[in-house]
Amino acid sequence: MEDYIEVINNSQLFAGVTEAETKSMLQCLSATTKEFVKNSYILRCGDLVSSVCLVLAGSVLLVKEDYWGNQNIVTRIQAGQIFAETYACVEGQPLGVSAVAAEKTRVLYLDVHRILSTCPTACGFHTRMIRNLMSILAYKNLIFNEKITHLSQRTTRSKLLSYLSAEAARCGSASFDIAFNRQQLADYLSVDRSAMSNELCKMRDEGLLRFARNHFELSGQ
């Protein structure tokens, strides 16, 4: 775990906590780690979770699966970000999505009960972590509402324009990389991959954007 202290300390969950405090808190929170190979399940829909999961290396896809195994990607979790925190905080609530390793991935598990129950000494850095967790939950609610905006668009083009506009605004630039490959983006927007690819090519030919793999550059036209 020592090899990942920098990743942990730079995460939003540990914002404002010194490296020495981080090491102390990892012991206090009964932290453990586990490694997963690409495409393996970290958590499955229906699981009961009691830990906040922090990605130390690699990335994780949160996916919603129907009865027939069709997947809809909810979001992608990068190194330094957390997942499953909402379900961990609501005791007895089965997980509504599955977490799948998008690549070789290592995950840190933090006991949510120890996070939410302050130390007997009411240490300041523990209180900061609780505030950080609340901030993350609020931010993810905003991201969820943003996705609803994308999905509420009626056409594949409108969904793409909504998503790409939001990513450009988030990056503060018309040139940016997205976290998804083509199939993952189609799943995220709940559209057919072929139709989406055709629409991207049409928009490129119309001068609205340029792209190469997961890099996009929007035009002012």
Foldseek 3Di string as FASTA:
>chain_A
DVVQLVLQCPALLQPPPDSVRVVVVCVLQVKDKDKDAAFDWPFAFFDQDQWKKAWRAAKKWWWAADPVGDTFTQDMGHHRGIDPPVRNVVGPDTHRTIIGGNHTTMMMTGGVVSLVDADPVNDPSSVVSVVSVVVVVVVVVVVNVLLVVLLVDDDLLSSVVSVLVVVCVVVVAQKDFDPDFQVNVCSNNVHDSVVNVVSVVVCVVVVQWDDDTRIIGGDPD
